[in-house]
Structure formats: C-alpha cells, structure tokens
Amino acid sequence: MPTVKNVKYKIIRTRNTESTLNEENSCRASMIIRLNKGQLIRQISDCEISYHDRNMIAGIRYGVLGMRCGEIRELTIPPHLAYGELGVPDLIPPDSVLKVQVKVKQIIG
C-alpha cells in the first residue's frame, strides 16, 4: 500500500485529470470517517481540505496530497496523525487508527 507522509492509502477510484492536489491549493471533498474496526464516526458530505488548515487532522491533510478531482481514496491514518493518545472522549478511543474514505469533488486554486 503506498504512503504519503506516513499515511497509507488505497485508491478506490482514479481520474485522469491534469491538476492534482498539492500543498499550495485546497479542495472540496466528502468523507466517511471510521475506526479501524469499522465503527462509523462521522460522514461529511462537503468540506474544504487545505494542507495548511490546522483544524483538520494531519492524516487527512497529508493523505489527500496528489489526489485528482473525482478520485476516491481510503486513508489509513495512524494515531499520531489523528487524535493520538488522548482520543476524543465518548467517540474515539485513545491510540485509534482511523480509516477515512475521501472523495475530491473540486480542486481550488
């Protein structure tokens, strides 16, 4: 499985468009976030992901680098690039690996 900055990914669907997501642009995307064992955490139908946005977990910001518009990836995000040893009380246990399916809808910039 390939990696981008310690985030493993599997391409579910690819597109042959010219532009790719990099550290200088952002994208509109949808996401399904699950624990490694499959428990659904959250579905997001529309959000903006930017490499420089510190409100988005690092594993997602890193994992979308190189994606093309219309591409779908499944990211496997280690705890240190997600919620770490603290987790999120009553939602994400400490040291959890996350599985995130991301679809890039539009590349901005």
PDB file of N, CA and C in Angstrom:
ATOM      1  N   MET A   1       0.853  -1.177   0.000  1.00  0.00           N
ATOM      2  CA  MET A   1       0.000   0.000   0.000  1.00  0.00           C
ATOM      3  C   MET A   1       0.900   1.241   0.000  1.00  0.00           C
ATOM      4  N   PRO A   2       0.703   2.180  -0.932  1.00  0.00           N
ATOM      5  CA  PRO A   2       1.522   3.393  -0.968  1.00  0.00           C
ATOM      6  C   PRO A   2       1.266   4.282   0.261  1.00  0.00           C
ATOM      7  N   THR A   3       2.185   5.181   0.522  1.00  0.00           N
ATOM      8  CA  THR A   3       2.021   6.122   1.633  1.00  0.00           C
ATOM      9  C   THR A   3       2.332   7.540   1.183  1.00  0.00           C
ATOM     10  N   VAL A   4       1.703   8.491   1.881  1.00  0.00           N
ATOM     11  CA  VAL A   4       2.008   9.908   1.741  1.00  0.00           C
ATOM     12  C   VAL A   4       2.235  10.419   3.154  1.00  0.00           C
ATOM     13  N   LYS A   5       3.459  10.803   3.485  1.00  0.00           N
ATOM     14  CA  LYS A   5       3.806  11.342   4.805  1.00  0.00           C
ATOM     15  C   LYS A   5       3.280  10.455   5.936  1.00  0.00           C
ATOM     16  N   ASN A   6       3.535   9.162   5.874  1.00  0.00           N
ATOM     17  CA  ASN A   6       3.162   8.160   6.880  1.00  0.00           C
ATOM     18  C   ASN A   6       1.680   7.810   6.912  1.00  0.00           C
ATOM     19  N   VAL A   7       0.915   8.227   5.926  1.00  0.00           N
ATOM     20  CA  VAL A   7      -0.492   7.840   5.811  1.00  0.00           C
ATOM     21  C   VAL A   7      -0.592   6.839   4.660  1.00  0.00           C
ATOM     22  N   LYS A   8      -1.050   5.632   4.969  1.00  0.00           N
ATOM     23  CA  LYS A   8      -1.232   4.622   3.921  1.00  0.00           C
ATOM     24  C   LYS A   8      -2.532   4.929   3.185  1.00  0.00           C
ATOM     25  N   TYR A   9      -2.557   4.601   1.897  1.00  0.00           N
ATOM     26  CA  TYR A   9      -3.792   4.821   1.151  1.00  0.00           C
ATOM     27  C   TYR A   9      -3.981   3.760   0.083  1.00  0.00           C
ATOM     28  N   LYS A  10      -5.254   3.570  -0.251  1.00  0.00           N
ATOM     29  CA  LYS A  10      -5.637   2.679  -1.341  1.00  0.00           C
ATOM     30  C   LYS A  10      -6.542   3.492  -2.246  1.00  0.00           C
ATOM     31  N   ILE A  11      -6.253   3.492  -3.551  1.00  0.00           N
ATOM     32  CA  ILE A  11      -7.083   4.224  -4.496  1.00  0.00           C
ATOM     33  C   ILE A  11      -8.293   3.365  -4.832  1.00  0.00           C
ATOM     34  N   ILE A  12      -9.476   3.897  -4.541  1.00  0.00           N
ATOM     35  CA  ILE A  12     -10.730   3.205  -4.830  1.00  0.00           C
ATOM     36  C   ILE A  12     -11.163   3.507  -6.263  1.00  0.00           C
ATOM     37  N   ARG A  13     -11.053   4.785  -6.634  1.00  0.00           N
ATOM     38  CA  ARG A  13     -11.392   5.215  -7.997  1.00  0.00           C
ATOM     39  C   ARG A  13     -10.441   6.343  -8.378  1.00  0.00           C
ATOM     40  N   THR A  14      -9.897   6.254  -9.567  1.00  0.00           N
ATOM     41  CA  THR A  14      -8.969   7.286 -10.027  1.00  0.00           C
ATOM     42  C   THR A  14      -9.590   8.059 -11.187  1.00  0.00           C
ATOM     43  N   ARG A  15      -9.043   9.203 -11.451  1.00  0.00           N
ATOM     44  CA  ARG A  15      -9.462  10.036 -12.579  1.00  0.00           C
ATOM     45  C   ARG A  15      -8.211  10.509 -13.299  1.00  0.00           C
ATOM     46  N   ASN A  16      -8.326  10.700 -14.599  1.00  0.00           N
ATOM     47  CA  ASN A  16      -7.197  11.157 -15.400  1.00  0.00           C
ATOM     48  C   ASN A  16      -7.313  12.644 -15.713  1.00  0.00           C
ATOM     49  N   THR A  17      -7.427  13.446 -14.693  1.00  0.00           N
ATOM     50  CA  THR A  17      -7.443  14.891 -14.888  1.00  0.00           C
ATOM     51  C   THR A  17      -6.030  15.421 -14.679  1.00  0.00           C
ATOM     52  N   GLU A  18      -5.751  16.593 -15.223  1.00  0.00           N
ATOM     53  CA  GLU A  18      -4.396  17.128 -15.159  1.00  0.00           C
ATOM     54  C   GLU A  18      -3.999  17.614 -13.779  1.00  0.00           C
ATOM     55  N   SER A  19      -4.845  18.386 -13.125  1.00  0.00           N
ATOM     56  CA  SER A  19      -4.434  19.002 -11.867  1.00  0.00           C
ATOM     57  C   SER A  19      -4.527  18.008 -10.707  1.00  0.00           C
ATOM     58  N   THR A  20      -3.560  18.121  -9.812  1.00  0.00           N
ATOM     59  CA  THR A  20      -3.543  17.308  -8.603  1.00  0.00           C
ATOM     60  C   THR A  20      -3.456  18.206  -7.388  1.00  0.00           C
ATOM     61  N   LEU A  21      -3.928  17.706  -6.295  1.00  0.00           N
ATOM     62  CA  LEU A  21      -3.918  18.456  -5.047  1.00  0.00           C
ATOM     63  C   LEU A  21      -2.495  18.496  -4.494  1.00  0.00           C
ATOM     64  N   ASN A  22      -2.042  19.695  -4.137  1.00  0.00           N
ATOM     65  CA  ASN A  22      -0.708  19.838  -3.567  1.00  0.00           C
ATOM     66  C   ASN A  22      -0.773  20.739  -2.340  1.00  0.00           C
ATOM     67  N   GLU A  23       0.372  21.086  -1.804  1.00  0.00           N
ATOM     68  CA  GLU A  23       0.431  21.888  -0.582  1.00  0.00           C
ATOM     69  C   GLU A  23      -0.013  23.334  -0.791  1.00  0.00           C
ATOM     70  N   GLU A  24      -0.121  23.772  -2.028  1.00  0.00           N
ATOM     71  CA  GLU A  24      -0.458  25.169  -2.324  1.00  0.00           C
ATOM     72  C   GLU A  24      -1.933  25.400  -2.639  1.00  0.00           C
ATOM     73  N   ASN A  25      -2.704  24.345  -2.893  1.00  0.00           N
ATOM     74  CA  ASN A  25      -4.128  24.546  -3.182  1.00  0.00           C
ATOM     75  C   ASN A  25      -4.971  23.791  -2.158  1.00  0.00           C
ATOM     76  N   SER A  26      -6.264  23.844  -2.307  1.00  0.00           N
ATOM     77  CA  SER A  26      -7.172  23.148  -1.397  1.00  0.00           C
ATOM     78  C   SER A  26      -8.235  22.442  -2.235  1.00  0.00           C
ATOM     79  N   CYS A  27      -9.146  21.750  -1.566  1.00  0.00           N
ATOM     80  CA  CYS A  27     -10.187  21.043  -2.315  1.00  0.00           C
ATOM     81  C   CYS A  27     -11.491  21.009  -1.534  1.00  0.00           C
ATOM     82  N   ARG A  28     -12.583  20.806  -2.259  1.00  0.00           N
ATOM     83  CA  ARG A  28     -13.883  20.475  -1.691  1.00  0.00           C
ATOM     84  C   ARG A  28     -13.945  18.961  -1.725  1.00  0.00           C
ATOM     85  N   ALA A  29     -14.408  18.357  -0.638  1.00  0.00           N
ATOM     86  CA  ALA A  29     -14.401  16.899  -0.559  1.00  0.00           C
ATOM     87  C   ALA A  29     -15.545  16.397   0.312  1.00  0.00           C
ATOM     88  N   SER A  30     -15.811  15.100   0.188  1.00  0.00           N
ATOM     89  CA  SER A  30     -16.698  14.403   1.115  1.00  0.00           C
ATOM     90  C   SER A  30     -15.873  13.315   1.788  1.00  0.00           C
ATOM     91  N   MET A  31     -16.270  12.930   3.010  1.00  0.00           N
ATOM     92  CA  MET A  31     -15.501  11.954   3.776  1.00  0.00           C
ATOM     93  C   MET A  31     -16.413  11.051   4.589  1.00  0.00           C
ATOM     94  N   ILE A  32     -15.970   9.821   4.766  1.00  0.00           N
ATOM     95  CA  ILE A  32     -16.580   8.898   5.714  1.00  0.00           C
ATOM     96  C   ILE A  32     -15.450   8.479   6.650  1.00  0.00           C
ATOM     97  N   ILE A  33     -15.617   8.777   7.930  1.00  0.00           N
ATOM     98  CA  ILE A  33     -14.571   8.511   8.915  1.00  0.00           C
ATOM     99  C   ILE A  33     -15.017   7.352   9.805  1.00  0.00           C
ATOM    100  N   ARG A  34     -14.155   6.331   9.893  1.00  0.00           N
ATOM    101  CA  ARG A  34     -14.442   5.136  10.698  1.00  0.00           C
ATOM    102  C   ARG A  34     -13.235   4.790  11.558  1.00  0.00           C
ATOM    103  N   LEU A  35     -13.502   4.074  12.645  1.00  0.00           N
ATOM    104  CA  LEU A  35     -12.415   3.466  13.389  1.00  0.00           C
ATOM    105  C   LEU A  35     -11.881   2.312  12.555  1.00  0.00           C
ATOM    106  N   ASN A  36     -10.678   1.866  12.848  1.00  0.00           N
ATOM    107  CA  ASN A  36     -10.051   0.792  12.088  1.00  0.00           C
ATOM    108  C   ASN A  36     -10.917  -0.469  12.035  1.00  0.00           C
ATOM    109  N   LYS A  37     -11.702  -0.717  13.072  1.00  0.00           N
ATOM    110  CA  LYS A  37     -12.559  -1.908  13.111  1.00  0.00           C
ATOM    111  C   LYS A  37     -13.888  -1.698  12.399  1.00  0.00           C
ATOM    112  N   GLY A  38     -14.112  -0.513  11.837  1.00  0.00           N
ATOM    113  CA  GLY A  38     -15.293  -0.279  11.017  1.00  0.00           C
ATOM    114  C   GLY A  38     -16.381   0.582  11.621  1.00  0.00           C
ATOM    115  N   GLN A  39     -16.309   0.903  12.914  1.00  0.00           N
ATOM    116  CA  GLN A  39     -17.351   1.722  13.550  1.00  0.00           C
ATOM    117  C   GLN A  39     -17.383   3.122  12.944  1.00  0.00           C
ATOM    118  N   LEU A  40     -18.570   3.519  12.465  1.00  0.00           N
ATOM    119  CA  LEU A  40     -18.730   4.838  11.851  1.00  0.00           C
ATOM    120  C   LEU A  40     -18.582   5.934  12.904  1.00  0.00           C
ATOM    121  N   ILE A  41     -17.734   6.903  12.608  1.00  0.00           N
ATOM    122  CA  ILE A  41     -17.536   8.065  13.473  1.00  0.00           C
ATOM    123  C   ILE A  41     -18.315   9.258  12.929  1.00  0.00           C
ATOM    124  N   ARG A  42     -18.148   9.514  11.633  1.00  0.00           N
ATOM    125  CA  ARG A  42     -18.780  10.700  11.060  1.00  0.00           C
ATOM    126  C   ARG A  42     -18.798  10.620   9.540  1.00  0.00           C
ATOM    127  N   GLN A  43     -19.859  11.143   8.933  1.00  0.00           N
ATOM    128  CA  GLN A  43     -19.937  11.324   7.489  1.00  0.00           C
ATOM    129  C   GLN A  43     -20.026  12.815   7.229  1.00  0.00           C
ATOM    130  N   ILE A  44     -19.213  13.288   6.303  1.00  0.00           N
ATOM    131  CA  ILE A  44     -19.194  14.702   5.952  1.00  0.00           C
ATOM    132  C   ILE A  44     -19.436  14.789   4.453  1.00  0.00           C
ATOM    133  N   SER A  45     -20.528  15.446   4.060  1.00  0.00           N
ATOM    134  CA  SER A  45     -20.864  15.487   2.637  1.00  0.00           C
ATOM    135  C   SER A  45     -20.122  16.581   1.884  1.00  0.00           C
ATOM    136  N   ASP A  46     -19.688  17.633   2.580  1.00  0.00           N
ATOM    137  CA  ASP A  46     -18.983  18.716   1.907  1.00  0.00           C
ATOM    138  C   ASP A  46     -18.114  19.470   2.905  1.00  0.00           C
ATOM    139  N   CYS A  47     -16.818  19.500   2.637  1.00  0.00           N
ATOM    140  CA  CYS A  47     -15.897  20.275   3.476  1.00  0.00           C
ATOM    141  C   CYS A  47     -14.735  20.733   2.611  1.00  0.00           C
ATOM    142  N   GLU A  48     -13.983  21.679   3.126  1.00  0.00           N
ATOM    143  CA  GLU A  48     -12.780  22.140   2.435  1.00  0.00           C
ATOM    144  C   GLU A  48     -11.571  21.589   3.166  1.00  0.00           C
ATOM    145  N   ILE A  49     -10.639  21.026   2.408  1.00  0.00           N
ATOM    146  CA  ILE A  49      -9.406  20.496   2.978  1.00  0.00           C
ATOM    147  C   ILE A  49      -8.247  21.297   2.403  1.00  0.00           C
ATOM    148  N   SER A  50      -7.448  21.855   3.299  1.00  0.00           N
ATOM    149  CA  SER A  50      -6.265  22.610   2.913  1.00  0.00           C
ATOM    150  C   SER A  50      -5.078  22.064   3.706  1.00  0.00           C
ATOM    151  N   TYR A  51      -3.953  21.933   3.051  1.00  0.00           N
ATOM    152  CA  TYR A  51      -2.747  21.420   3.714  1.00  0.00           C
ATOM    153  C   TYR A  51      -2.373  22.275   4.930  1.00  0.00           C
ATOM    154  N   HIS A  52      -2.671  23.559   4.893  1.00  0.00           N
ATOM    155  CA  HIS A  52      -2.259  24.477   5.944  1.00  0.00           C
ATOM    156  C   HIS A  52      -3.313  24.677   7.037  1.00  0.00           C
ATOM    157  N   ASP A  53      -4.476  24.033   6.931  1.00  0.00           N
ATOM    158  CA  ASP A  53      -5.553  24.190   7.906  1.00  0.00           C
ATOM    159  C   ASP A  53      -5.306  23.293   9.105  1.00  0.00           C
ATOM    160  N   ARG A  54      -4.897  23.858  10.209  1.00  0.00           N
ATOM    161  CA  ARG A  54      -4.571  23.088  11.413  1.00  0.00           C
ATOM    162  C   ARG A  54      -5.808  22.592  12.163  1.00  0.00           C
ATOM    163  N   ASN A  55      -7.016  22.967  11.700  1.00  0.00           N
ATOM    164  CA  ASN A  55      -8.239  22.441  12.308  1.00  0.00           C
ATOM    165  C   ASN A  55      -8.602  21.060  11.759  1.00  0.00           C
ATOM    166  N   MET A  56      -7.995  20.663  10.647  1.00  0.00           N
ATOM    167  CA  MET A  56      -8.205  19.345  10.043  1.00  0.00           C
ATOM    168  C   MET A  56      -7.092  18.435  10.543  1.00  0.00           C
ATOM    169  N   ILE A  57      -7.417  17.181  10.872  1.00  0.00           N
ATOM    170  CA  ILE A  57      -6.360  16.302  11.372  1.00  0.00           C
ATOM    171  C   ILE A  57      -5.276  16.108  10.305  1.00  0.00           C
ATOM    172  N   ALA A  58      -4.055  16.000  10.769  1.00  0.00           N
ATOM    173  CA  ALA A  58      -2.897  15.943   9.880  1.00  0.00           C
ATOM    174  C   ALA A  58      -2.986  14.787   8.889  1.00  0.00           C
ATOM    175  N   GLY A  59      -3.443  13.630   9.327  1.00  0.00           N
ATOM    176  CA  GLY A  59      -3.507  12.472   8.445  1.00  0.00           C
ATOM    177  C   GLY A  59      -4.382  12.684   7.223  1.00  0.00           C
ATOM    178  N   ILE A  60      -5.450  13.442   7.378  1.00  0.00           N
ATOM    179  CA  ILE A  60      -6.305  13.747   6.222  1.00  0.00           C
ATOM    180  C   ILE A  60      -5.606  14.756   5.319  1.00  0.00           C
ATOM    181  N   ARG A  61      -5.033  15.802   5.901  1.00  0.00           N
ATOM    182  CA  ARG A  61      -4.322  16.808   5.102  1.00  0.00           C
ATOM    183  C   ARG A  61      -3.203  16.171   4.289  1.00  0.00           C
ATOM    184  N   TYR A  62      -2.459  15.267   4.891  1.00  0.00           N
ATOM    185  CA  TYR A  62      -1.363  14.605   4.191  1.00  0.00           C
ATOM    186  C   TYR A  62      -1.883  13.590   3.173  1.00  0.00           C
ATOM    187  N   GLY A  63      -2.904  12.848   3.549  1.00  0.00           N
ATOM    188  CA  GLY A  63      -3.398  11.749   2.722  1.00  0.00           C
ATOM    189  C   GLY A  63      -4.032  12.161   1.408  1.00  0.00           C
ATOM    190  N   VAL A  64      -4.495  13.400   1.304  1.00  0.00           N
ATOM    191  CA  VAL A  64      -5.118  13.850   0.060  1.00  0.00           C
ATOM    192  C   VAL A  64      -4.112  14.421  -0.943  1.00  0.00           C
ATOM    193  N   LEU A  65      -2.870  14.618  -0.510  1.00  0.00           N
ATOM    194  CA  LEU A  65      -1.866  15.167  -1.429  1.00  0.00           C
ATOM    195  C   LEU A  65      -1.725  14.265  -2.647  1.00  0.00           C
ATOM    196  N   GLY A  66      -1.757  14.860  -3.814  1.00  0.00           N
ATOM    197  CA  GLY A  66      -1.620  14.117  -5.065  1.00  0.00           C
ATOM    198  C   GLY A  66      -2.933  13.618  -5.640  1.00  0.00           C
ATOM    199  N   MET A  67      -4.037  13.797  -4.923  1.00  0.00           N
ATOM    200  CA  MET A  67      -5.331  13.345  -5.447  1.00  0.00           C
ATOM    201  C   MET A  67      -5.786  14.233  -6.593  1.00  0.00           C
ATOM    202  N   ARG A  68      -6.617  13.655  -7.450  1.00  0.00           N
ATOM    203  CA  ARG A  68      -7.197  14.370  -8.585  1.00  0.00           C
ATOM    204  C   ARG A  68      -8.695  14.540  -8.357  1.00  0.00           C
ATOM    205  N   CYS A  69      -9.291  15.505  -9.030  1.00  0.00           N
ATOM    206  CA  CYS A  69     -10.728  15.740  -8.929  1.00  0.00           C
ATOM    207  C   CYS A  69     -11.484  14.470  -9.343  1.00  0.00           C
ATOM    208  N   GLY A  70     -12.396  14.009  -8.499  1.00  0.00           N
ATOM    209  CA  GLY A  70     -13.165  12.804  -8.768  1.00  0.00           C
ATOM    210  C   GLY A  70     -12.549  11.541  -8.190  1.00  0.00           C
ATOM    211  N   GLU A  71     -11.305  11.619  -7.737  1.00  0.00           N
ATOM    212  CA  GLU A  71     -10.637  10.452  -7.170  1.00  0.00           C
ATOM    213  C   GLU A  71     -11.191  10.131  -5.789  1.00  0.00           C
ATOM    214  N   ILE A  72     -11.212   8.843  -5.452  1.00  0.00           N
ATOM    215  CA  ILE A  72     -11.607   8.385  -4.126  1.00  0.00           C
ATOM    216  C   ILE A  72     -10.463   7.551  -3.563  1.00  0.00           C
ATOM    217  N   ARG A  73     -10.073   7.869  -2.326  1.00  0.00           N
ATOM    218  CA  ARG A  73      -9.035   7.114  -1.628  1.00  0.00           C
ATOM    219  C   ARG A  73      -9.558   6.664  -0.272  1.00  0.00           C
ATOM    220  N   GLU A  74      -9.045   5.521   0.168  1.00  0.00           N
ATOM    221  CA  GLU A  74      -9.241   5.114   1.555  1.00  0.00           C
ATOM    222  C   GLU A  74      -7.913   5.320   2.265  1.00  0.00           C
ATOM    223  N   LEU A  75      -7.925   6.190   3.263  1.00  0.00           N
ATOM    224  CA  LEU A  75      -6.724   6.512   4.027  1.00  0.00           C
ATOM    225  C   LEU A  75      -6.699   5.682   5.303  1.00  0.00           C
ATOM    226  N   THR A  76      -5.540   5.179   5.666  1.00  0.00           N
ATOM    227  CA  THR A  76      -5.337   4.532   6.962  1.00  0.00           C
ATOM    228  C   THR A  76      -4.419   5.449   7.746  1.00  0.00           C
ATOM    229  N   ILE A  77      -4.986   6.085   8.778  1.00  0.00           N
ATOM    230  CA  ILE A  77      -4.281   7.148   9.488  1.00  0.00           C
ATOM    231  C   ILE A  77      -3.847   6.649  10.863  1.00  0.00           C
ATOM    232  N   PRO A  78      -2.529   6.666  11.132  1.00  0.00           N
ATOM    233  CA  PRO A  78      -2.043   6.223  12.438  1.00  0.00           C
ATOM    234  C   PRO A  78      -2.431   7.219  13.531  1.00  0.00           C
ATOM    235  N   PRO A  79      -2.471   6.761  14.786  1.00  0.00           N
ATOM    236  CA  PRO A  79      -2.915   7.625  15.886  1.00  0.00           C
ATOM    237  C   PRO A  79      -2.162   8.949  15.997  1.00  0.00           C
ATOM    238  N   HIS A  80      -0.845   8.939  15.761  1.00  0.00           N
ATOM    239  CA  HIS A  80      -0.084  10.185  15.940  1.00  0.00           C
ATOM    240  C   HIS A  80      -0.422  11.245  14.888  1.00  0.00           C
ATOM    241  N   LEU A  81      -1.121  10.855  13.819  1.00  0.00           N
ATOM    242  CA  LEU A  81      -1.574  11.828  12.814  1.00  0.00           C
ATOM    243  C   LEU A  81      -3.088  12.027  12.880  1.00  0.00           C
ATOM    244  N   ALA A  82      -3.704  11.505  13.953  1.00  0.00           N
ATOM    245  CA  ALA A  82      -5.153  11.655  14.152  1.00  0.00           C
ATOM    246  C   ALA A  82      -5.383  12.274  15.537  1.00  0.00           C
ATOM    247  N   TYR A  83      -5.927  11.488  16.462  1.00  0.00           N
ATOM    248  CA  TYR A  83      -6.268  12.024  17.782  1.00  0.00           C
ATOM    249  C   TYR A  83      -5.350  11.541  18.889  1.00  0.00           C
ATOM    250  N   GLY A  84      -4.307  10.786  18.527  1.00  0.00           N
ATOM    251  CA  GLY A  84      -3.241  10.430  19.455  1.00  0.00           C
ATOM    252  C   GLY A  84      -3.658   9.647  20.669  1.00  0.00           C
ATOM    253  N   GLU A  85      -2.856   9.784  21.707  1.00  0.00           N
ATOM    254  CA  GLU A  85      -3.077   9.017  22.932  1.00  0.00           C
ATOM    255  C   GLU A  85      -4.254   9.517  23.756  1.00  0.00           C
ATOM    256  N   LEU A  86      -4.791  10.670  23.431  1.00  0.00           N
ATOM    257  CA  LEU A  86      -5.953  11.190  24.154  1.00  0.00           C
ATOM    258  C   LEU A  86      -7.272  10.724  23.546  1.00  0.00           C
ATOM    259  N   GLY A  87      -7.315  10.575  22.233  1.00  0.00           N
ATOM    260  CA  GLY A  87      -8.566  10.239  21.565  1.00  0.00           C
ATOM    261  C   GLY A  87      -9.567  11.377  21.707  1.00  0.00           C
ATOM    262  N   VAL A  88     -10.842  11.059  21.571  1.00  0.00           N
ATOM    263  CA  VAL A  88     -11.931  12.016  21.802  1.00  0.00           C
ATOM    264  C   VAL A  88     -12.904  11.319  22.741  1.00  0.00           C
ATOM    265  N   PRO A  89     -13.087  11.849  23.958  1.00  0.00           N
ATOM    266  CA  PRO A  89     -13.947  11.173  24.935  1.00  0.00           C
ATOM    267  C   PRO A  89     -15.315  10.803  24.358  1.00  0.00           C
ATOM    268  N   ASP A  90     -15.727   9.579  24.632  1.00  0.00           N
ATOM    269  CA  ASP A  90     -17.023   9.029  24.212  1.00  0.00           C
ATOM    270  C   ASP A  90     -17.197   8.912  22.699  1.00  0.00           C
ATOM    271  N   LEU A  91     -16.118   9.068  21.924  1.00  0.00           N
ATOM    272  CA  LEU A  91     -16.231   8.961  20.472  1.00  0.00           C
ATOM    273  C   LEU A  91     -15.088   8.149  19.863  1.00  0.00           C
ATOM    274  N   ILE A  92     -13.855   8.554  20.145  1.00  0.00           N
ATOM    275  CA  ILE A  92     -12.686   7.890  19.572  1.00  0.00           C
ATOM    276  C   ILE A  92     -11.756   7.468  20.709  1.00  0.00           C
ATOM    277  N   PRO A  93     -11.533   6.156  20.865  1.00  0.00           N
ATOM    278  CA  PRO A  93     -10.645   5.679  21.933  1.00  0.00           C
ATOM    279  C   PRO A  93      -9.208   6.167  21.742  1.00  0.00           C
ATOM    280  N   PRO A  94      -8.441   6.236  22.821  1.00  0.00           N
ATOM    281  CA  PRO A  94      -7.032   6.614  22.707  1.00  0.00           C
ATOM    282  C   PRO A  94      -6.275   5.684  21.754  1.00  0.00           C
ATOM    283  N   ASP A  95      -5.290   6.227  21.078  1.00  0.00           N
ATOM    284  CA  ASP A  95      -4.414   5.483  20.167  1.00  0.00           C
ATOM    285  C   ASP A  95      -5.158   4.738  19.064  1.00  0.00           C
ATOM    286  N   SER A  96      -6.214   5.332  18.536  1.00  0.00           N
ATOM    287  CA  SER A  96      -7.011   4.698  17.485  1.00  0.00           C
ATOM    288  C   SER A  96      -6.462   4.987  16.091  1.00  0.00           C
ATOM    289  N   VAL A  97      -6.451   3.944  15.269  1.00  0.00           N
ATOM    290  CA  VAL A  97      -6.173   4.080  13.844  1.00  0.00           C
ATOM    291  C   VAL A  97      -7.501   4.423  13.180  1.00  0.00           C
ATOM    292  N   LEU A  98      -7.495   5.392  12.268  1.00  0.00           N
ATOM    293  CA  LEU A  98      -8.709   5.776  11.559  1.00  0.00           C
ATOM    294  C   LEU A  98      -8.653   5.311  10.110  1.00  0.00           C
ATOM    295  N   LYS A  99      -9.810   4.951   9.567  1.00  0.00           N
ATOM    296  CA  LYS A  99      -9.984   4.668   8.137  1.00  0.00           C
ATOM    297  C   LYS A  99     -10.882   5.776   7.606  1.00  0.00           C
ATOM    298  N   VAL A 100     -10.402   6.511   6.640  1.00  0.00           N
ATOM    299  CA  VAL A 100     -11.149   7.640   6.098  1.00  0.00           C
ATOM    300  C   VAL A 100     -11.263   7.476   4.591  1.00  0.00           C
ATOM    301  N   GLN A 101     -12.484   7.430   4.092  1.00  0.00           N
ATOM    302  CA  GLN A 101     -12.703   7.417   2.640  1.00  0.00           C
ATOM    303  C   GLN A 101     -12.963   8.850   2.214  1.00  0.00           C
ATOM    304  N   VAL A 102     -12.133   9.342   1.312  1.00  0.00           N
ATOM    305  CA  VAL A 102     -12.206  10.735   0.858  1.00  0.00           C
ATOM    306  C   VAL A 102     -12.475  10.759  -0.645  1.00  0.00           C
ATOM    307  N   LYS A 103     -13.423  11.606  -1.048  1.00  0.00           N
ATOM    308  CA  LYS A 103     -13.665  11.860  -2.467  1.00  0.00           C
ATOM    309  C   LYS A 103     -13.447  13.339  -2.721  1.00  0.00           C
ATOM    310  N   VAL A 104     -12.519  13.654  -3.623  1.00  0.00           N
ATOM    311  CA  VAL A 104     -12.252  15.045  -4.001  1.00  0.00           C
ATOM    312  C   VAL A 104     -13.281  15.447  -5.050  1.00  0.00           C
ATOM    313  N   LYS A 105     -14.046  16.490  -4.730  1.00  0.00           N
ATOM    314  CA  LYS A 105     -15.086  16.980  -5.642  1.00  0.00           C
ATOM    315  C   LYS A 105     -14.584  18.136  -6.521  1.00  0.00           C
ATOM    316  N   GLN A 106     -13.691  18.954  -5.970  1.00  0.00           N
ATOM    317  CA  GLN A 106     -13.214  20.129  -6.700  1.00  0.00           C
ATOM    318  C   GLN A 106     -11.868  20.541  -6.136  1.00  0.00           C
ATOM    319  N   ILE A 107     -10.929  20.879  -6.996  1.00  0.00           N
ATOM    320  CA  ILE A 107      -9.654  21.436  -6.564  1.00  0.00           C
ATOM    321  C   ILE A 107      -9.729  22.945  -6.708  1.00  0.00           C
ATOM    322  N   ILE A 108      -9.353  23.645  -5.642  1.00  0.00           N
ATOM    323  CA  ILE A 108      -9.459  25.109  -5.584  1.00  0.00           C
ATOM    324  C   ILE A 108      -8.049  25.700  -5.612  1.00  0.00           C
ATOM    325  N   GLY A 109      -7.839  26.615  -6.544  1.00  0.00           N
ATOM    326  CA  GLY A 109      -6.558  27.318  -6.599  1.00  0.00           C
ATOM    327  C   GLY A 109      -5.614  26.640  -7.486  1.00  0.00           C
TER     328      GLY A 109
END
